[in-house]
Amino acid sequence: HLATNISGSTYSWYIYKDKNGYTIPKGNYFKIRISSVVDPTIK
């Protein structure tokens, strides 16, 4: 979980840890997921 309750259409991401303190690993198969706060099925 990188960020919550973000307004607008951009987010500046520093790749190190997520918002819960978990360290981001290196790897080859990542995707970014954007979802509505109100309705998580809109993603």
PDB file of all heavy atoms in Angstrom:
ATOM      1  N   HIS A   1       0.854  -1.191   0.000  1.00  0.00           N
ATOM      2  CA  HIS A   1       0.000   0.000   0.000  1.00  0.00           C
ATOM      3  C   HIS A   1       0.892   1.245   0.000  1.00  0.00           C
ATOM      4  O   HIS A   1       1.525   1.566   1.004  1.00  0.00           O
ATOM      5  CB  HIS A   1      -0.917  -0.017   1.218  1.00  0.00           C
ATOM      6  CG  HIS A   1      -1.763  -1.252   1.314  1.00  0.00           C
ATOM      7  ND1 HIS A   1      -2.717  -1.582   0.361  1.00  0.00           N
ATOM      8  CD2 HIS A   1      -1.787  -2.253   2.227  1.00  0.00           C
ATOM      9  CE1 HIS A   1      -3.298  -2.719   0.693  1.00  0.00           C
ATOM     10  NE2 HIS A   1      -2.749  -3.152   1.814  1.00  0.00           N
ATOM     11  N   LEU A   2       0.914   1.927  -1.128  1.00  0.00           N
ATOM     12  CA  LEU A   2       1.807   3.076  -1.275  1.00  0.00           C
ATOM     13  C   LEU A   2       1.208   4.357  -0.716  1.00  0.00           C
ATOM     14  O   LEU A   2       1.901   5.148  -0.069  1.00  0.00           O
ATOM     15  CB  LEU A   2       2.168   3.275  -2.751  1.00  0.00           C
ATOM     16  CG  LEU A   2       2.795   2.076  -3.471  1.00  0.00           C
ATOM     17  CD1 LEU A   2       3.164   2.458  -4.892  1.00  0.00           C
ATOM     18  CD2 LEU A   2       4.022   1.564  -2.711  1.00  0.00           C
ATOM     19  N   ALA A   3      -0.083   4.592  -0.989  1.00  0.00           N
ATOM     20  CA  ALA A   3      -0.701   5.839  -0.548  1.00  0.00           C
ATOM     21  C   ALA A   3      -2.215   5.679  -0.533  1.00  0.00           C
ATOM     22  O   ALA A   3      -2.777   4.890  -1.289  1.00  0.00           O
ATOM     23  CB  ALA A   3      -0.309   6.993  -1.471  1.00  0.00           C
ATOM     24  N   THR A   4      -2.872   6.440   0.338  1.00  0.00           N
ATOM     25  CA  THR A   4      -4.328   6.403   0.433  1.00  0.00           C
ATOM     26  C   THR A   4      -4.888   7.816   0.375  1.00  0.00           C
ATOM     27  O   THR A   4      -4.215   8.786   0.724  1.00  0.00           O
ATOM     28  CB  THR A   4      -4.789   5.740   1.749  1.00  0.00           C
ATOM     29  OG1 THR A   4      -4.202   6.446   2.856  1.00  0.00           O
ATOM     30  CG2 THR A   4      -4.354   4.286   1.810  1.00  0.00           C
ATOM     31  N   ASN A   5      -6.137   7.888  -0.090  1.00  0.00           N
ATOM     32  CA  ASN A   5      -6.867   9.164  -0.141  1.00  0.00           C
ATOM     33  C   ASN A   5      -6.106  10.241  -0.922  1.00  0.00           C
ATOM     34  O   ASN A   5      -5.947  11.374  -0.450  1.00  0.00           O
ATOM     35  CB  ASN A   5      -7.183   9.671   1.273  1.00  0.00           C
ATOM     36  CG  ASN A   5      -8.254   8.852   1.954  1.00  0.00           C
ATOM     37  OD1 ASN A   5      -9.406   8.836   1.521  1.00  0.00           O
ATOM     38  ND2 ASN A   5      -7.875   8.127   3.000  1.00  0.00           N
ATOM     39  N   ILE A   6      -5.643   9.865  -2.110  1.00  0.00           N
ATOM     40  CA  ILE A   6      -4.899  10.798  -2.951  1.00  0.00           C
ATOM     41  C   ILE A   6      -5.845  11.463  -3.942  1.00  0.00           C
ATOM     42  O   ILE A   6      -6.546  10.786  -4.696  1.00  0.00           O
ATOM     43  CB  ILE A   6      -3.771  10.067  -3.706  1.00  0.00           C
ATOM     44  CG1 ILE A   6      -2.811   9.403  -2.722  1.00  0.00           C
ATOM     45  CG2 ILE A   6      -3.030  11.040  -4.623  1.00  0.00           C
ATOM     46  CD1 ILE A   6      -2.117  10.356  -1.780  1.00  0.00           C
ATOM     47  N   SER A   7      -5.873  12.792  -3.941  1.00  0.00           N
ATOM     48  CA  SER A   7      -6.678  13.548  -4.903  1.00  0.00           C
ATOM     49  C   SER A   7      -5.814  13.973  -6.078  1.00  0.00           C
ATOM     50  O   SER A   7      -4.584  14.004  -5.987  1.00  0.00           O
ATOM     51  CB  SER A   7      -7.293  14.775  -4.230  1.00  0.00           C
ATOM     52  OG  SER A   7      -8.138  14.389  -3.163  1.00  0.00           O
ATOM     53  N   GLY A   8      -6.458  14.318  -7.176  1.00  0.00           N
ATOM     54  CA  GLY A   8      -5.722  14.730  -8.365  1.00  0.00           C
ATOM     55  C   GLY A   8      -5.486  13.572  -9.300  1.00  0.00           C
ATOM     56  O   GLY A   8      -6.233  12.589  -9.310  1.00  0.00           O
ATOM     57  N   SER A   9      -4.420  13.642 -10.081  1.00  0.00           N
ATOM     58  CA  SER A   9      -4.152  12.601 -11.075  1.00  0.00           C
ATOM     59  C   SER A   9      -2.676  12.206 -11.139  1.00  0.00           C
ATOM     60  O   SER A   9      -2.268  11.507 -12.066  1.00  0.00           O
ATOM     61  CB  SER A   9      -4.610  13.062 -12.457  1.00  0.00           C
ATOM     62  OG  SER A   9      -3.955  14.265 -12.818  1.00  0.00           O
ATOM     63  N   THR A  10      -1.867  12.660 -10.162  1.00  0.00           N
ATOM     64  CA  THR A  10      -0.459  12.285 -10.120  1.00  0.00           C
ATOM     65  C   THR A  10      -0.025  12.064  -8.680  1.00  0.00           C
ATOM     66  O   THR A  10      -0.608  12.636  -7.752  1.00  0.00           O
ATOM     67  CB  THR A  10       0.454  13.355 -10.752  1.00  0.00           C
ATOM     68  OG1 THR A  10       0.281  14.596 -10.067  1.00  0.00           O
ATOM     69  CG2 THR A  10       0.163  13.535 -12.235  1.00  0.00           C
ATOM     70  N   TYR A  11       1.030  11.254  -8.537  1.00  0.00           N
ATOM     71  CA  TYR A  11       1.593  10.995  -7.214  1.00  0.00           C
ATOM     72  C   TYR A  11       3.092  10.765  -7.380  1.00  0.00           C
ATOM     73  O   TYR A  11       3.532   9.978  -8.214  1.00  0.00           O
ATOM     74  CB  TYR A  11       0.943   9.761  -6.584  1.00  0.00           C
ATOM     75  CG  TYR A  11       1.556   9.347  -5.261  1.00  0.00           C
ATOM     76  CD1 TYR A  11       1.325  10.091  -4.113  1.00  0.00           C
ATOM     77  CD2 TYR A  11       2.352   8.198  -5.169  1.00  0.00           C
ATOM     78  CE1 TYR A  11       1.884   9.714  -2.895  1.00  0.00           C
ATOM     79  CE2 TYR A  11       2.904   7.811  -3.962  1.00  0.00           C
ATOM     80  CZ  TYR A  11       2.671   8.572  -2.824  1.00  0.00           C
ATOM     81  OH  TYR A  11       3.235   8.203  -1.629  1.00  0.00           O
ATOM     82  N   SER A  12       3.885  11.488  -6.597  1.00  0.00           N
ATOM     83  CA  SER A  12       5.337  11.347  -6.631  1.00  0.00           C
ATOM     84  C   SER A  12       5.743  10.246  -5.657  1.00  0.00           C
ATOM     85  O   SER A  12       5.556  10.386  -4.444  1.00  0.00           O
ATOM     86  CB  SER A  12       6.009  12.671  -6.261  1.00  0.00           C
ATOM     87  OG  SER A  12       7.415  12.554  -6.293  1.00  0.00           O
ATOM     88  N   TRP A  13       6.302   9.172  -6.192  1.00  0.00           N
ATOM     89  CA  TRP A  13       6.611   7.975  -5.399  1.00  0.00           C
ATOM     90  C   TRP A  13       8.111   7.809  -5.223  1.00  0.00           C
ATOM     91  O   TRP A  13       8.846   7.712  -6.205  1.00  0.00           O
ATOM     92  CB  TRP A  13       6.024   6.745  -6.093  1.00  0.00           C
ATOM     93  CG  TRP A  13       6.332   5.427  -5.452  1.00  0.00           C
ATOM     94  CD1 TRP A  13       6.451   5.161  -4.126  1.00  0.00           C
ATOM     95  CD2 TRP A  13       6.557   4.171  -6.120  1.00  0.00           C
ATOM     96  NE1 TRP A  13       6.732   3.830  -3.914  1.00  0.00           N
ATOM     97  CE2 TRP A  13       6.802   3.199  -5.126  1.00  0.00           C
ATOM     98  CE3 TRP A  13       6.560   3.786  -7.461  1.00  0.00           C
ATOM     99  CZ2 TRP A  13       7.066   1.868  -5.438  1.00  0.00           C
ATOM    100  CZ3 TRP A  13       6.809   2.456  -7.772  1.00  0.00           C
ATOM    101  CH2 TRP A  13       7.053   1.510  -6.759  1.00  0.00           C
ATOM    102  N   TYR A  14       8.558   7.789  -3.959  1.00  0.00           N
ATOM    103  CA  TYR A  14       9.944   7.474  -3.634  1.00  0.00           C
ATOM    104  C   TYR A  14      10.005   5.986  -3.317  1.00  0.00           C
ATOM    105  O   TYR A  14       9.382   5.524  -2.352  1.00  0.00           O
ATOM    106  CB  TYR A  14      10.430   8.295  -2.445  1.00  0.00           C
ATOM    107  CG  TYR A  14      11.874   8.034  -2.085  1.00  0.00           C
ATOM    108  CD1 TYR A  14      12.904   8.480  -2.902  1.00  0.00           C
ATOM    109  CD2 TYR A  14      12.212   7.332  -0.925  1.00  0.00           C
ATOM    110  CE1 TYR A  14      14.232   8.244  -2.577  1.00  0.00           C
ATOM    111  CE2 TYR A  14      13.535   7.090  -0.599  1.00  0.00           C
ATOM    112  CZ  TYR A  14      14.542   7.547  -1.426  1.00  0.00           C
ATOM    113  OH  TYR A  14      15.845   7.292  -1.109  1.00  0.00           O
ATOM    114  N   ILE A  15      10.728   5.221  -4.138  1.00  0.00           N
ATOM    115  CA  ILE A  15      10.702   3.758  -4.048  1.00  0.00           C
ATOM    116  C   ILE A  15      11.631   3.282  -2.934  1.00  0.00           C
ATOM    117  O   ILE A  15      12.850   3.189  -3.110  1.00  0.00           O
ATOM    118  CB  ILE A  15      11.112   3.102  -5.386  1.00  0.00           C
ATOM    119  CG1 ILE A  15      10.293   3.683  -6.530  1.00  0.00           C
ATOM    120  CG2 ILE A  15      10.921   1.587  -5.327  1.00  0.00           C
ATOM    121  CD1 ILE A  15      10.702   3.163  -7.894  1.00  0.00           C
ATOM    122  N   TYR A  16      11.029   3.003  -1.789  1.00  0.00           N
ATOM    123  CA  TYR A  16      11.807   2.484  -0.675  1.00  0.00           C
ATOM    124  C   TYR A  16      10.939   1.623   0.244  1.00  0.00           C
ATOM    125  O   TYR A  16      11.121   0.417   0.329  1.00  0.00           O
ATOM    126  CB  TYR A  16      12.458   3.625   0.108  1.00  0.00           C
ATOM    127  CG  TYR A  16      13.321   3.170   1.265  1.00  0.00           C
ATOM    128  CD1 TYR A  16      14.217   2.116   1.105  1.00  0.00           C
ATOM    129  CD2 TYR A  16      13.242   3.794   2.499  1.00  0.00           C
ATOM    130  CE1 TYR A  16      15.019   1.682   2.167  1.00  0.00           C
ATOM    131  CE2 TYR A  16      14.037   3.381   3.558  1.00  0.00           C
ATOM    132  CZ  TYR A  16      14.914   2.324   3.392  1.00  0.00           C
ATOM    133  OH  TYR A  16      15.687   1.897   4.448  1.00  0.00           O
ATOM    134  N   LYS A  17       9.956   2.242   0.901  1.00  0.00           N
ATOM    135  CA  LYS A  17       9.039   1.511   1.769  1.00  0.00           C
ATOM    136  C   LYS A  17       7.606   1.925   1.466  1.00  0.00           C
ATOM    137  O   LYS A  17       7.360   3.030   0.965  1.00  0.00           O
ATOM    138  CB  LYS A  17       9.347   1.778   3.243  1.00  0.00           C
ATOM    139  CG  LYS A  17      10.673   1.191   3.707  1.00  0.00           C
ATOM    140  CD  LYS A  17      10.872   1.390   5.213  1.00  0.00           C
ATOM    141  CE  LYS A  17      12.180   0.746   5.675  1.00  0.00           C
ATOM    142  NZ  LYS A  17      12.376   0.874   7.141  1.00  0.00           N
ATOM    143  N   ASP A  18       6.650   1.018   1.786  1.00  0.00           N
ATOM    144  CA  ASP A  18       5.252   1.397   1.625  1.00  0.00           C
ATOM    145  C   ASP A  18       4.781   2.139   2.876  1.00  0.00           C
ATOM    146  O   ASP A  18       5.552   2.360   3.820  1.00  0.00           O
ATOM    147  CB  ASP A  18       4.383   0.184   1.289  1.00  0.00           C
ATOM    148  CG  ASP A  18       4.157  -0.751   2.495  1.00  0.00           C
ATOM    149  OD1 ASP A  18       4.723  -0.504   3.581  1.00  0.00           O
ATOM    150  OD2 ASP A  18       3.426  -1.738   2.324  1.00  0.00           O
ATOM    151  N   LYS A  19       3.508   2.539   2.898  1.00  0.00           N
ATOM    152  CA  LYS A  19       3.008   3.357   4.008  1.00  0.00           C
ATOM    153  C   LYS A  19       2.958   2.600   5.330  1.00  0.00           C
ATOM    154  O   LYS A  19       2.866   3.205   6.396  1.00  0.00           O
ATOM    155  CB  LYS A  19       1.629   3.927   3.665  1.00  0.00           C
ATOM    156  CG  LYS A  19       0.529   2.905   3.559  1.00  0.00           C
ATOM    157  CD  LYS A  19      -0.794   3.543   3.130  1.00  0.00           C
ATOM    158  CE  LYS A  19      -1.302   4.540   4.127  1.00  0.00           C
ATOM    159  NZ  LYS A  19      -1.743   3.923   5.393  1.00  0.00           N
ATOM    160  N   ASN A  20       3.037   1.268   5.279  1.00  0.00           N
ATOM    161  CA  ASN A  20       3.039   0.464   6.495  1.00  0.00           C
ATOM    162  C   ASN A  20       4.446   0.097   6.963  1.00  0.00           C
ATOM    163  O   ASN A  20       4.611  -0.649   7.925  1.00  0.00           O
ATOM    164  CB  ASN A  20       2.221  -0.807   6.283  1.00  0.00           C
ATOM    165  CG  ASN A  20       0.754  -0.510   6.034  1.00  0.00           C
ATOM    166  OD1 ASN A  20       0.182   0.364   6.674  1.00  0.00           O
ATOM    167  ND2 ASN A  20       0.146  -1.216   5.093  1.00  0.00           N
ATOM    168  N   GLY A  21       5.455   0.599   6.260  1.00  0.00           N
ATOM    169  CA  GLY A  21       6.832   0.359   6.668  1.00  0.00           C
ATOM    170  C   GLY A  21       7.480  -0.861   6.053  1.00  0.00           C
ATOM    171  O   GLY A  21       8.624  -1.195   6.399  1.00  0.00           O
ATOM    172  N   TYR A  22       6.791  -1.548   5.124  1.00  0.00           N
ATOM    173  CA  TYR A  22       7.382  -2.720   4.478  1.00  0.00           C
ATOM    174  C   TYR A  22       8.315  -2.276   3.343  1.00  0.00           C
ATOM    175  O   TYR A  22       7.954  -1.435   2.510  1.00  0.00           O
ATOM    176  CB  TYR A  22       6.303  -3.643   3.922  1.00  0.00           C
ATOM    177  CG  TYR A  22       5.452  -4.287   4.997  1.00  0.00           C
ATOM    178  CD1 TYR A  22       4.154  -3.838   5.247  1.00  0.00           C
ATOM    179  CD2 TYR A  22       5.950  -5.335   5.759  1.00  0.00           C
ATOM    180  CE1 TYR A  22       3.381  -4.418   6.241  1.00  0.00           C
ATOM    181  CE2 TYR A  22       5.182  -5.916   6.762  1.00  0.00           C
ATOM    182  CZ  TYR A  22       3.904  -5.455   7.003  1.00  0.00           C
ATOM    183  OH  TYR A  22       3.148  -6.029   7.980  1.00  0.00           O
ATOM    184  N   THR A  23       9.519  -2.845   3.317  1.00  0.00           N
ATOM    185  CA  THR A  23      10.517  -2.480   2.313  1.00  0.00           C
ATOM    186  C   THR A  23      10.135  -3.057   0.957  1.00  0.00           C
ATOM    187  O   THR A  23       9.797  -4.235   0.837  1.00  0.00           O
ATOM    188  CB  THR A  23      11.902  -2.991   2.724  1.00  0.00           C
ATOM    189  OG1 THR A  23      12.255  -2.427   3.990  1.00  0.00           O
ATOM    190  CG2 THR A  23      12.956  -2.601   1.692  1.00  0.00           C
ATOM    191  N   ILE A  24      10.215  -2.217  -0.065  1.00  0.00           N
ATOM    192  CA  ILE A  24       9.924  -2.649  -1.433  1.00  0.00           C
ATOM    193  C   ILE A  24      11.121  -3.452  -1.951  1.00  0.00           C
ATOM    194  O   ILE A  24      12.256  -2.970  -1.910  1.00  0.00           O
ATOM    195  CB  ILE A  24       9.665  -1.442  -2.354  1.00  0.00           C
ATOM    196  CG1 ILE A  24       8.558  -0.555  -1.788  1.00  0.00           C
ATOM    197  CG2 ILE A  24       9.344  -1.903  -3.767  1.00  0.00           C
ATOM    198  CD1 ILE A  24       7.214  -1.193  -1.673  1.00  0.00           C
ATOM    199  N   PRO A  25      10.908  -4.669  -2.464  1.00  0.00           N
ATOM    200  CA  PRO A  25      12.025  -5.466  -2.980  1.00  0.00           C
ATOM    201  C   PRO A  25      12.300  -5.165  -4.449  1.00  0.00           C
ATOM    202  O   PRO A  25      11.484  -4.528  -5.130  1.00  0.00           O
ATOM    203  CB  PRO A  25      11.511  -6.902  -2.823  1.00  0.00           C
ATOM    204  CG  PRO A  25      10.049  -6.771  -3.080  1.00  0.00           C
ATOM    205  CD  PRO A  25       9.635  -5.429  -2.505  1.00  0.00           C
ATOM    206  N   LYS A  26      13.428  -5.616  -4.940  1.00  0.00           N
ATOM    207  CA  LYS A  26      13.662  -5.568  -6.374  1.00  0.00           C
ATOM    208  C   LYS A  26      12.927  -6.745  -7.014  1.00  0.00           C
ATOM    209  O   LYS A  26      12.596  -7.730  -6.346  1.00  0.00           O
ATOM    210  CB  LYS A  26      15.156  -5.624  -6.690  1.00  0.00           C
ATOM    211  CG  LYS A  26      15.837  -6.920  -6.314  1.00  0.00           C
ATOM    212  CD  LYS A  26      17.291  -6.933  -6.759  1.00  0.00           C
ATOM    213  CE  LYS A  26      17.943  -8.276  -6.435  1.00  0.00           C
ATOM    214  NZ  LYS A  26      19.319  -8.380  -6.940  1.00  0.00           N
ATOM    215  N   GLY A  27      12.665  -6.659  -8.310  1.00  0.00           N
ATOM    216  CA  GLY A  27      11.960  -7.732  -8.995  1.00  0.00           C
ATOM    217  C   GLY A  27      11.592  -7.319 -10.414  1.00  0.00           C
ATOM    218  O   GLY A  27      11.816  -6.174 -10.826  1.00  0.00           O
ATOM    219  N   ASN A  28      11.005  -8.257 -11.147  1.00  0.00           N
ATOM    220  CA  ASN A  28      10.740  -8.050 -12.569  1.00  0.00           C
ATOM    221  C   ASN A  28       9.262  -7.956 -12.937  1.00  0.00           C
ATOM    222  O   ASN A  28       8.941  -7.672 -14.090  1.00  0.00           O
ATOM    223  CB  ASN A  28      11.356  -9.184 -13.396  1.00  0.00           C
ATOM    224  CG  ASN A  28      12.865  -9.234 -13.280  1.00  0.00           C
ATOM    225  OD1 ASN A  28      13.519  -8.205 -13.115  1.00  0.00           O
ATOM    226  ND2 ASN A  28      13.424 -10.429 -13.350  1.00  0.00           N
ATOM    227  N   TYR A  29       8.366  -8.208 -11.973  1.00  0.00           N
ATOM    228  CA  TYR A  29       6.958  -8.338 -12.338  1.00  0.00           C
ATOM    229  C   TYR A  29       6.068  -7.504 -11.407  1.00  0.00           C
ATOM    230  O   TYR A  29       5.307  -8.040 -10.608  1.00  0.00           O
ATOM    231  CB  TYR A  29       6.533  -9.804 -12.313  1.00  0.00           C
ATOM    232  CG  TYR A  29       7.304 -10.664 -13.276  1.00  0.00           C
ATOM    233  CD1 TYR A  29       8.368 -11.451 -12.830  1.00  0.00           C
ATOM    234  CD2 TYR A  29       6.997 -10.680 -14.627  1.00  0.00           C
ATOM    235  CE1 TYR A  29       9.094 -12.237 -13.712  1.00  0.00           C
ATOM    236  CE2 TYR A  29       7.716 -11.455 -15.515  1.00  0.00           C
ATOM    237  CZ  TYR A  29       8.763 -12.235 -15.051  1.00  0.00           C
ATOM    238  OH  TYR A  29       9.489 -13.013 -15.921  1.00  0.00           O
ATOM    239  N   PHE A  30       6.181  -6.194 -11.544  1.00  0.00           N
ATOM    240  CA  PHE A  30       5.383  -5.283 -10.731  1.00  0.00           C
ATOM    241  C   PHE A  30       4.348  -4.557 -11.595  1.00  0.00           C
ATOM    242  O   PHE A  30       4.581  -4.299 -12.778  1.00  0.00           O
ATOM    243  CB  PHE A  30       6.272  -4.239 -10.059  1.00  0.00           C
ATOM    244  CG  PHE A  30       7.162  -4.786  -8.983  1.00  0.00           C
ATOM    245  CD1 PHE A  30       8.478  -5.129  -9.260  1.00  0.00           C
ATOM    246  CD2 PHE A  30       6.690  -4.967  -7.688  1.00  0.00           C
ATOM    247  CE1 PHE A  30       9.311  -5.632  -8.275  1.00  0.00           C
ATOM    248  CE2 PHE A  30       7.513  -5.467  -6.695  1.00  0.00           C
ATOM    249  CZ  PHE A  30       8.823  -5.800  -6.990  1.00  0.00           C
ATOM    250  N   LYS A  31       3.220  -4.229 -10.960  1.00  0.00           N
ATOM    251  CA  LYS A  31       2.220  -3.375 -11.582  1.00  0.00           C
ATOM    252  C   LYS A  31       1.696  -2.394 -10.534  1.00  0.00           C
ATOM    253  O   LYS A  31       1.666  -2.702  -9.339  1.00  0.00           O
ATOM    254  CB  LYS A  31       1.048  -4.187 -12.145  1.00  0.00           C
ATOM    255  CG  LYS A  31       1.388  -4.988 -13.397  1.00  0.00           C
ATOM    256  CD  LYS A  31       0.141  -5.622 -14.005  1.00  0.00           C
ATOM    257  CE  LYS A  31       0.475  -6.349 -15.306  1.00  0.00           C
ATOM    258  NZ  LYS A  31      -0.753  -6.873 -15.975  1.00  0.00           N
ATOM    259  N   ILE A  32       1.291  -1.214 -11.001  1.00  0.00           N
ATOM    260  CA  ILE A  32       0.645  -0.231 -10.143  1.00  0.00           C
ATOM    261  C   ILE A  32      -0.868  -0.417 -10.253  1.00  0.00           C
ATOM    262  O   ILE A  32      -1.403  -0.586 -11.347  1.00  0.00           O
ATOM    263  CB  ILE A  32       1.031   1.205 -10.539  1.00  0.00           C
ATOM    264  CG1 ILE A  32       2.490   1.493 -10.177  1.00  0.00           C
ATOM    265  CG2 ILE A  32       0.118   2.222  -9.875  1.00  0.00           C
ATOM    266  CD1 ILE A  32       2.791   1.476  -8.695  1.00  0.00           C
ATOM    267  N   ARG A  33      -1.540  -0.380  -9.096  1.00  0.00           N
ATOM    268  CA  ARG A  33      -3.001  -0.488  -9.064  1.00  0.00           C
ATOM    269  C   ARG A  33      -3.581   0.793  -8.459  1.00  0.00           C
ATOM    270  O   ARG A  33      -3.164   1.223  -7.384  1.00  0.00           O
ATOM    271  CB  ARG A  33      -3.439  -1.687  -8.229  1.00  0.00           C
ATOM    272  CG  ARG A  33      -4.964  -1.825  -8.072  1.00  0.00           C
ATOM    273  CD  ARG A  33      -5.306  -2.924  -7.099  1.00  0.00           C
ATOM    274  NE  ARG A  33      -4.915  -4.235  -7.630  1.00  0.00           N
ATOM    275  CZ  ARG A  33      -4.818  -5.342  -6.878  1.00  0.00           C
ATOM    276  NH1 ARG A  33      -5.061  -5.277  -5.574  1.00  0.00           N
ATOM    277  NH2 ARG A  33      -4.476  -6.485  -7.424  1.00  0.00           N
ATOM    278  N   ILE A  34      -4.517   1.400  -9.173  1.00  0.00           N
ATOM    279  CA  ILE A  34      -5.227   2.579  -8.698  1.00  0.00           C
ATOM    280  C   ILE A  34      -6.684   2.183  -8.475  1.00  0.00           C
ATOM    281  O   ILE A  34      -7.309   1.589  -9.359  1.00  0.00           O
ATOM    282  CB  ILE A  34      -5.176   3.736  -9.714  1.00  0.00           C
ATOM    283  CG1 ILE A  34      -3.731   4.022 -10.160  1.00  0.00           C
ATOM    284  CG2 ILE A  34      -5.838   4.982  -9.152  1.00  0.00           C
ATOM    285  CD1 ILE A  34      -2.870   4.647  -9.124  1.00  0.00           C
ATOM    286  N   SER A  35      -7.246   2.512  -7.306  1.00  0.00           N
ATOM    287  CA  SER A  35      -8.634   2.153  -7.015  1.00  0.00           C
ATOM    288  C   SER A  35      -9.339   3.297  -6.305  1.00  0.00           C
ATOM    289  O   SER A  35      -8.716   4.081  -5.577  1.00  0.00           O
ATOM    290  CB  SER A  35      -8.699   0.882  -6.158  1.00  0.00           C
ATOM    291  OG  SER A  35      -8.024   1.061  -4.938  1.00  0.00           O
ATOM    292  N   SER A  36     -10.651   3.378  -6.508  1.00  0.00           N
ATOM    293  CA  SER A  36     -11.462   4.400  -5.854  1.00  0.00           C
ATOM    294  C   SER A  36     -11.562   4.115  -4.360  1.00  0.00           C
ATOM    295  O   SER A  36     -11.750   2.973  -3.943  1.00  0.00           O
ATOM    296  CB  SER A  36     -12.858   4.427  -6.483  1.00  0.00           C
ATOM    297  OG  SER A  36     -13.757   5.171  -5.682  1.00  0.00           O
ATOM    298  N   VAL A  37     -11.443   5.157  -3.553  1.00  0.00           N
ATOM    299  CA  VAL A  37     -11.610   5.012  -2.108  1.00  0.00           C
ATOM    300  C   VAL A  37     -13.053   4.638  -1.772  1.00  0.00           C
ATOM    301  O   VAL A  37     -13.313   3.826  -0.885  1.00  0.00           O
ATOM    302  CB  VAL A  37     -11.206   6.315  -1.389  1.00  0.00           C
ATOM    303  CG1 VAL A  37     -11.614   6.282   0.074  1.00  0.00           C
ATOM    304  CG2 VAL A  37      -9.706   6.541  -1.509  1.00  0.00           C
ATOM    305  N   VAL A  38     -13.991   5.219  -2.503  1.00  0.00           N
ATOM    306  CA  VAL A  38     -15.408   4.997  -2.233  1.00  0.00           C
ATOM    307  C   VAL A  38     -15.852   3.609  -2.684  1.00  0.00           C
ATOM    308  O   VAL A  38     -16.585   2.913  -1.980  1.00  0.00           O
ATOM    309  CB  VAL A  38     -16.264   6.081  -2.921  1.00  0.00           C
ATOM    310  CG1 VAL A  38     -17.749   5.798  -2.731  1.00  0.00           C
ATOM    311  CG2 VAL A  38     -15.905   7.457  -2.374  1.00  0.00           C
ATOM    312  N   ASP A  39     -15.402   3.183  -3.869  1.00  0.00           N
ATOM    313  CA  ASP A  39     -15.792   1.890  -4.431  1.00  0.00           C
ATOM    314  C   ASP A  39     -14.545   1.181  -4.951  1.00  0.00           C
ATOM    315  O   ASP A  39     -14.114   1.446  -6.075  1.00  0.00           O
ATOM    316  CB  ASP A  39     -16.812   2.077  -5.550  1.00  0.00           C
ATOM    317  CG  ASP A  39     -17.320   0.747  -6.108  1.00  0.00           C
ATOM    318  OD1 ASP A  39     -16.827  -0.314  -5.666  1.00  0.00           O
ATOM    319  OD2 ASP A  39     -18.201   0.772  -6.994  1.00  0.00           O
ATOM    320  N   PRO A  40     -13.935   0.293  -4.163  1.00  0.00           N
ATOM    321  CA  PRO A  40     -12.686  -0.375  -4.569  1.00  0.00           C
ATOM    322  C   PRO A  40     -12.808  -1.225  -5.830  1.00  0.00           C
ATOM    323  O   PRO A  40     -11.791  -1.608  -6.405  1.00  0.00           O
ATOM    324  CB  PRO A  40     -12.357  -1.261  -3.353  1.00  0.00           C
ATOM    325  CG  PRO A  40     -13.086  -0.642  -2.212  1.00  0.00           C
ATOM    326  CD  PRO A  40     -14.338  -0.076  -2.798  1.00  0.00           C
ATOM    327  N   THR A  41     -14.051  -1.527  -6.257  1.00  0.00           N
ATOM    328  CA  THR A  41     -14.209  -2.293  -7.506  1.00  0.00           C
ATOM    329  C   THR A  41     -13.896  -1.436  -8.731  1.00  0.00           C
ATOM    330  O   THR A  41     -13.680  -1.967  -9.819  1.00  0.00           O
ATOM    331  CB  THR A  41     -15.634  -2.868  -7.627  1.00  0.00           C
ATOM    332  OG1 THR A  41     -16.582  -1.797  -7.728  1.00  0.00           O
ATOM    333  CG2 THR A  41     -15.965  -3.742  -6.426  1.00  0.00           C
ATOM    334  N   ILE A  42     -13.911  -0.111  -8.552  1.00  0.00           N
ATOM    335  CA  ILE A  42     -13.504   0.795  -9.638  1.00  0.00           C
ATOM    336  C   ILE A  42     -11.990   0.914  -9.561  1.00  0.00           C
ATOM    337  O   ILE A  42     -11.448   1.638  -8.716  1.00  0.00           O
ATOM    338  CB  ILE A  42     -14.175   2.169  -9.499  1.00  0.00           C
ATOM    339  CG1 ILE A  42     -15.686   2.037  -9.453  1.00  0.00           C
ATOM    340  CG2 ILE A  42     -13.755   3.092 -10.648  1.00  0.00           C
ATOM    341  CD1 ILE A  42     -16.406   3.317  -9.064  1.00  0.00           C
ATOM    342  N   LYS A  43     -11.293   0.175 -10.393  1.00  0.00           N
ATOM    343  CA  LYS A  43      -9.836   0.106 -10.297  1.00  0.00           C
ATOM    344  C   LYS A  43      -9.223  -0.194 -11.650  1.00  0.00           C
ATOM    345  O   LYS A  43      -9.908  -0.583 -12.595  1.00  0.00           O
ATOM    346  CB  LYS A  43      -9.428  -0.980  -9.294  1.00  0.00           C
ATOM    347  CG  LYS A  43      -9.889  -2.377  -9.684  1.00  0.00           C
ATOM    348  CD  LYS A  43      -9.546  -3.402  -8.617  1.00  0.00           C
ATOM    349  CE  LYS A  43     -10.061  -4.787  -8.993  1.00  0.00           C
ATOM    350  NZ  LYS A  43      -9.754  -5.786  -7.951  1.00  0.00           N
TER     351      LYS A  43
END
